[in-house]
Amino acid sequence: MIHQTAIIDKTALIAKEVEIGPYSVIGPEVEIGEGTVIGPHVVIQGPTRIGCHNKIYQFASLGAASQDKKHTGQRAYLEVGDRNIIRECTTLNRGSKEGTLTKIGNDNLLMAYVHIAHDCIVGNNVVFANNASLAGHVIVEDYVILSGFSGVFQFCRIGAHSFATTNSVIIKDVPPFVKVAGYYAKPYGLNTVGLERLGYSADIVKRLRQAYKIIYRKKLTIVNALEELKQMNCEYVNKLVHFIEGSDAGIVR
């Protein structure tokens, strides 16, 4: 059902069984997938594609232009996947340059006042608590949890299954499976609770604990730590190795 006070551009593509609440504005070049529910006073600007069965709460703003000062109206995009919950006053910006994309995956929970800036890539099954914010060009992998009022500096990468506590300010890459806290964020252990909830075996958690100690407790250089990690010959430890080897910003230490 589309409320009579909603304003919908004639070029918008609205699928079946989409609900749009009072006073919401759907701009040109917006595509909304089947079963998505849009609350009152939501603004969605294009070019933006929103998948199926999302729930978007009041006063959210999706698809506004990048806040990058270099942005001068280039055609850029926002893409949101399926089954996401986007709570009140969340802001998701489009890319910053011609043809660039901000992309949100599937099954994510973005709580109130979350901000995701231009050119960010967010994976699946992440939780961003109230007021968590990403600067531009941040990559967030699957099953990440950012607690309330945490922030991530531009171009950083947040590895899968990592966890940041409230008020964390992240200015370096966070490896997979690691917990961080503080201003500026420092590592403080393995995200064992998250891993156990997702069914990781005790043996895998034990191996990852060993890997964490090699990186953070043995006072090794990164090069020497990577050599020891490779000798463990473990699939999940290898994910840490690949992440660290691919880090441009350097990892939190």
Protein backbone atom coordinates (compact mmCIF):
# COMPACT_ATOMS: atom_id res chain seq x y z
CA MET A 1 0.00 0.00 0.00
CA ILE A 2 1.24 3.46 -0.90
CA HIS A 3 -0.06 6.28 1.27
CA GLN A 4 -1.82 9.06 -0.61
CA THR A 5 0.56 11.71 0.78
CA ALA A 6 3.71 9.95 -0.46
CA ILE A 7 5.46 11.65 -3.38
CA ILE A 8 6.79 9.21 -5.97
CA ASP A 9 8.63 10.22 -9.13
CA LYS A 10 7.19 8.80 -12.33
CA THR A 11 10.53 7.17 -13.21
CA ALA A 12 10.70 5.19 -9.94
CA LEU A 13 10.21 1.43 -10.27
CA ILE A 14 8.12 0.08 -7.39
CA ALA A 15 7.64 -3.71 -7.20
CA LYS A 16 4.61 -5.59 -5.91
CA GLU A 17 3.66 -5.59 -2.24
CA VAL A 18 5.78 -2.55 -1.40
CA GLU A 19 4.47 -0.33 1.40
CA ILE A 20 5.29 3.39 1.44
CA GLY A 21 4.22 5.47 4.42
CA PRO A 22 2.90 9.02 4.71
CA TYR A 23 4.98 11.93 3.44
CA SER A 24 7.80 9.76 2.15
CA VAL A 25 9.56 10.94 -1.01
CA ILE A 26 10.80 8.52 -3.68
CA GLY A 27 12.87 10.37 -6.25
CA PRO A 28 13.81 9.71 -9.86
CA GLU A 29 15.74 6.58 -10.83
CA VAL A 30 14.88 4.68 -7.67
CA GLU A 31 14.12 0.96 -7.82
CA ILE A 32 12.45 -0.77 -4.85
CA GLY A 33 12.13 -4.55 -4.65
CA GLU A 34 9.16 -6.69 -3.66
CA GLY A 35 7.99 -6.75 -0.07
CA THR A 36 10.00 -3.74 1.12
CA VAL A 37 8.30 -1.61 3.77
CA ILE A 38 9.10 2.12 3.87
CA GLY A 39 7.87 4.09 6.86
CA PRO A 40 6.74 7.73 7.03
CA HIS A 41 8.97 10.68 6.17
CA VAL A 42 11.62 8.59 4.40
CA VAL A 43 13.55 10.19 1.53
CA ILE A 44 15.12 8.01 -1.17
CA GLN A 45 17.03 9.66 -4.01
CA GLY A 46 18.47 8.04 -7.11
CA PRO A 47 20.16 6.46 -8.82
CA THR A 48 19.42 3.92 -6.07
CA ARG A 49 18.43 0.27 -6.11
CA ILE A 50 16.83 -1.29 -3.02
CA GLY A 51 16.26 -5.04 -2.95
CA CYS A 52 13.45 -7.14 -1.51
CA HIS A 53 11.91 -7.40 1.95
CA ASN A 54 13.78 -4.52 3.54
CA LYS A 55 12.25 -2.46 6.34
CA ILE A 56 13.13 1.24 6.37
CA TYR A 57 12.02 3.34 9.33
CA GLN A 58 10.95 6.97 9.57
CA PHE A 59 13.28 9.84 8.65
CA ALA A 60 15.90 7.62 7.02
CA SER A 61 17.70 9.20 4.05
CA LEU A 62 18.96 6.90 1.31
CA GLY A 63 20.78 7.84 -1.88
CA ALA A 64 21.66 11.46 -1.14
CA ALA A 65 24.73 12.84 -2.89
CA SER A 66 28.14 12.23 -1.40
CA GLN A 67 29.34 14.68 1.26
CA ASP A 68 32.82 14.60 -0.28
CA LYS A 69 33.69 18.21 -1.13
CA LYS A 70 35.18 17.04 -4.43
CA HIS A 71 31.79 15.73 -5.54
CA THR A 72 30.31 18.02 -8.20
CA GLY A 73 27.22 16.15 -9.30
CA GLN A 74 28.77 13.13 -11.00
CA ARG A 75 26.46 10.19 -11.60
CA ALA A 76 27.04 7.74 -8.75
CA TYR A 77 24.97 4.97 -7.19
CA LEU A 78 23.63 3.34 -4.03
CA GLU A 79 22.71 -0.33 -3.89
CA VAL A 80 20.98 -1.98 -0.92
CA GLY A 81 20.43 -5.74 -0.86
CA ASP A 82 17.65 -7.81 0.70
CA ARG A 83 16.16 -8.22 4.19
CA ASN A 84 17.93 -5.27 5.76
CA ILE A 85 16.51 -3.34 8.72
CA ILE A 86 17.32 0.37 8.45
CA ARG A 87 16.25 2.26 11.54
CA GLU A 88 15.31 5.89 12.22
CA CYS A 89 17.42 8.73 10.79
CA THR A 90 20.00 6.47 9.14
CA THR A 91 21.84 8.07 6.20
CA LEU A 92 23.28 6.11 3.27
CA ASN A 93 25.09 8.20 0.64
CA ARG A 94 25.81 7.37 -2.98
CA GLY A 95 29.32 7.10 -4.46
CA SER A 96 31.53 10.14 -4.92
CA LYS A 97 32.76 9.90 -8.51
CA GLU A 98 31.32 9.06 -11.91
CA GLY A 99 30.08 5.47 -11.91
CA THR A 100 31.08 4.69 -8.33
CA LEU A 101 28.92 2.75 -5.90
CA THR A 102 28.05 2.55 -2.23
CA LYS A 103 26.87 -1.00 -1.58
CA ILE A 104 25.04 -2.58 1.36
CA GLY A 105 24.60 -6.36 1.37
CA ASN A 106 21.89 -8.57 2.87
CA ASP A 107 20.44 -9.25 6.33
CA ASN A 108 22.03 -6.27 8.04
CA LEU A 109 20.75 -4.29 11.03
CA LEU A 110 21.52 -0.57 10.88
CA MET A 111 20.22 1.03 14.07
CA ALA A 112 19.17 4.65 14.55
CA TYR A 113 21.40 7.46 13.25
CA VAL A 114 23.87 5.15 11.52
CA HIS A 115 25.84 6.91 8.77
CA ILE A 116 27.43 5.12 5.82
CA ALA A 117 29.38 7.50 3.61
CA HIS A 118 30.25 7.47 -0.08
CA ASP A 119 31.89 4.46 -1.74
CA CYS A 120 31.58 2.16 1.29
CA ILE A 121 31.09 -1.58 0.81
CA VAL A 122 29.22 -3.35 3.61
CA GLY A 123 28.80 -7.13 3.56
CA ASN A 124 26.11 -9.37 5.04
CA ASN A 125 24.79 -9.99 8.56
CA VAL A 126 26.45 -6.95 10.11
CA VAL A 127 25.10 -5.01 13.08
CA PHE A 128 25.77 -1.28 13.42
CA ALA A 129 24.43 0.03 16.73
CA ASN A 130 23.09 3.56 17.23
CA ASN A 131 25.25 6.35 15.77
CA ALA A 132 27.92 4.05 14.35
CA SER A 133 29.51 5.82 11.37
CA LEU A 134 31.68 4.95 8.40
CA ALA A 135 33.75 7.55 6.58
CA GLY A 136 34.24 7.21 2.83
CA HIS A 137 35.65 4.13 1.07
CA VAL A 138 35.41 1.83 4.11
CA ILE A 139 35.02 -1.92 3.55
CA VAL A 140 33.14 -3.92 6.18
CA GLU A 141 33.11 -7.69 5.81
CA ASP A 142 30.43 -10.15 6.97
CA TYR A 143 29.24 -10.59 10.58
CA VAL A 144 30.93 -7.45 11.90
CA ILE A 145 29.46 -5.69 14.96
CA LEU A 146 30.11 -1.98 15.50
CA SER A 147 28.80 -0.83 18.87
CA GLY A 148 27.16 2.53 19.52
CA PHE A 149 28.97 5.76 18.66
CA SER A 150 31.89 3.93 17.06
CA GLY A 151 33.52 5.46 14.00
CA VAL A 152 35.73 4.19 11.19
CA PHE A 153 38.29 6.37 9.39
CA GLN A 154 38.23 6.59 5.59
CA PHE A 155 39.72 3.75 3.50
CA CYS A 156 39.86 1.34 6.46
CA ARG A 157 38.84 -2.29 6.21
CA ILE A 158 37.00 -4.19 8.94
CA GLY A 159 37.49 -7.96 8.80
CA ALA A 160 34.76 -10.57 9.11
CA HIS A 161 33.54 -11.54 12.59
CA SER A 162 35.31 -8.62 14.27
CA PHE A 163 33.77 -6.57 17.06
CA ALA A 164 34.23 -2.92 18.11
CA THR A 165 33.07 -1.67 21.51
CA THR A 166 31.15 1.53 22.20
CA ASN A 167 32.95 4.78 21.30
CA SER A 168 35.74 3.01 19.42
CA VAL A 169 37.54 5.15 16.84
CA ILE A 170 39.13 2.93 14.22
CA ILE A 171 41.94 4.40 12.10
CA LYS A 172 43.64 1.16 11.00
CA ASP A 173 42.41 -2.09 9.48
CA VAL A 174 40.84 -4.56 11.92
CA PRO A 175 41.74 -8.20 11.16
CA PRO A 176 39.02 -10.86 11.08
CA PHE A 177 37.89 -12.36 14.40
CA VAL A 178 39.46 -9.58 16.53
CA LYS A 179 37.84 -7.36 19.20
CA VAL A 180 38.92 -3.71 19.39
CA ALA A 181 38.20 -0.87 21.79
CA GLY A 182 39.24 2.68 22.50
CA TYR A 183 40.22 6.01 21.01
CA TYR A 184 42.18 5.10 18.99
CA ALA A 185 41.05 1.48 18.80
CA LYS A 186 43.44 -1.20 20.05
CA PRO A 187 43.03 -5.00 19.97
CA TYR A 188 41.89 -6.64 23.18
CA GLY A 189 41.27 -10.26 22.34
CA LEU A 190 39.55 -12.69 20.04
CA ASN A 191 35.81 -12.39 19.39
CA THR A 192 35.16 -15.79 20.93
CA VAL A 193 31.54 -15.09 21.87
CA GLY A 194 30.67 -14.17 18.29
CA LEU A 195 32.45 -17.21 16.90
CA GLU A 196 30.75 -19.60 19.33
CA ARG A 197 27.33 -18.14 18.53
CA LEU A 198 27.93 -18.87 14.86
CA GLY A 199 28.89 -22.46 15.55
CA TYR A 200 32.67 -22.34 15.21
CA SER A 201 34.15 -25.45 16.81
CA ALA A 202 36.30 -25.36 19.93
CA ASP A 203 39.27 -26.53 17.85
CA ILE A 204 38.95 -23.65 15.38
CA VAL A 205 38.61 -21.12 18.20
CA LYS A 206 41.72 -22.61 19.83
CA ARG A 207 43.72 -22.23 16.61
CA LEU A 208 42.56 -18.65 16.21
CA ARG A 209 43.58 -17.91 19.80
CA GLN A 210 47.04 -19.21 18.97
CA ALA A 211 47.13 -16.99 15.90
CA TYR A 212 46.05 -13.96 17.94
CA LYS A 213 48.89 -14.55 20.39
CA ILE A 214 51.39 -14.76 17.54
CA ILE A 215 50.23 -11.43 16.12
CA TYR A 216 49.71 -9.49 19.33
CA ARG A 217 51.45 -11.15 22.27
CA LYS A 218 54.84 -12.37 21.01
CA LYS A 219 56.08 -8.90 20.05
CA LEU A 220 57.02 -10.06 16.57
CA THR A 221 57.26 -7.90 13.49
CA ILE A 222 54.38 -8.36 11.06
CA VAL A 223 56.69 -10.19 8.65
CA ASN A 224 57.81 -12.68 11.29
CA ALA A 225 54.28 -13.11 12.62
CA LEU A 226 53.02 -13.94 9.14
CA GLU A 227 55.72 -16.57 8.75
CA GLU A 228 54.57 -18.31 11.94
CA LEU A 229 50.91 -18.05 10.96
CA LYS A 230 51.55 -19.71 7.60
CA GLN A 231 53.20 -22.64 9.37
CA MET A 232 49.96 -23.35 11.25
CA ASN A 233 48.40 -24.60 8.00
CA CYS A 234 44.84 -23.71 9.09
CA GLU A 235 42.11 -22.48 6.74
CA TYR A 236 40.83 -19.87 9.19
CA VAL A 237 44.28 -18.66 10.17
CA ASN A 238 45.02 -18.27 6.46
CA LYS A 239 42.14 -15.79 6.29
CA LEU A 240 44.03 -13.68 8.81
CA VAL A 241 47.19 -14.01 6.73
CA HIS A 242 45.49 -12.92 3.52
CA PHE A 243 43.81 -9.99 5.24
CA ILE A 244 47.05 -8.71 6.79
CA GLU A 245 49.00 -9.16 3.56
CA GLY A 246 46.33 -7.14 1.73
CA SER A 247 46.21 -4.30 4.25
CA ASP A 248 47.14 -0.87 2.89
CA ALA A 249 46.48 1.09 6.09
CA GLY A 250 48.19 -1.39 8.40
CA ILE A 251 46.39 -3.31 11.13
CA VAL A 252 45.45 -2.20 14.63
CA ARG A 253 48.21 -3.10 17.12
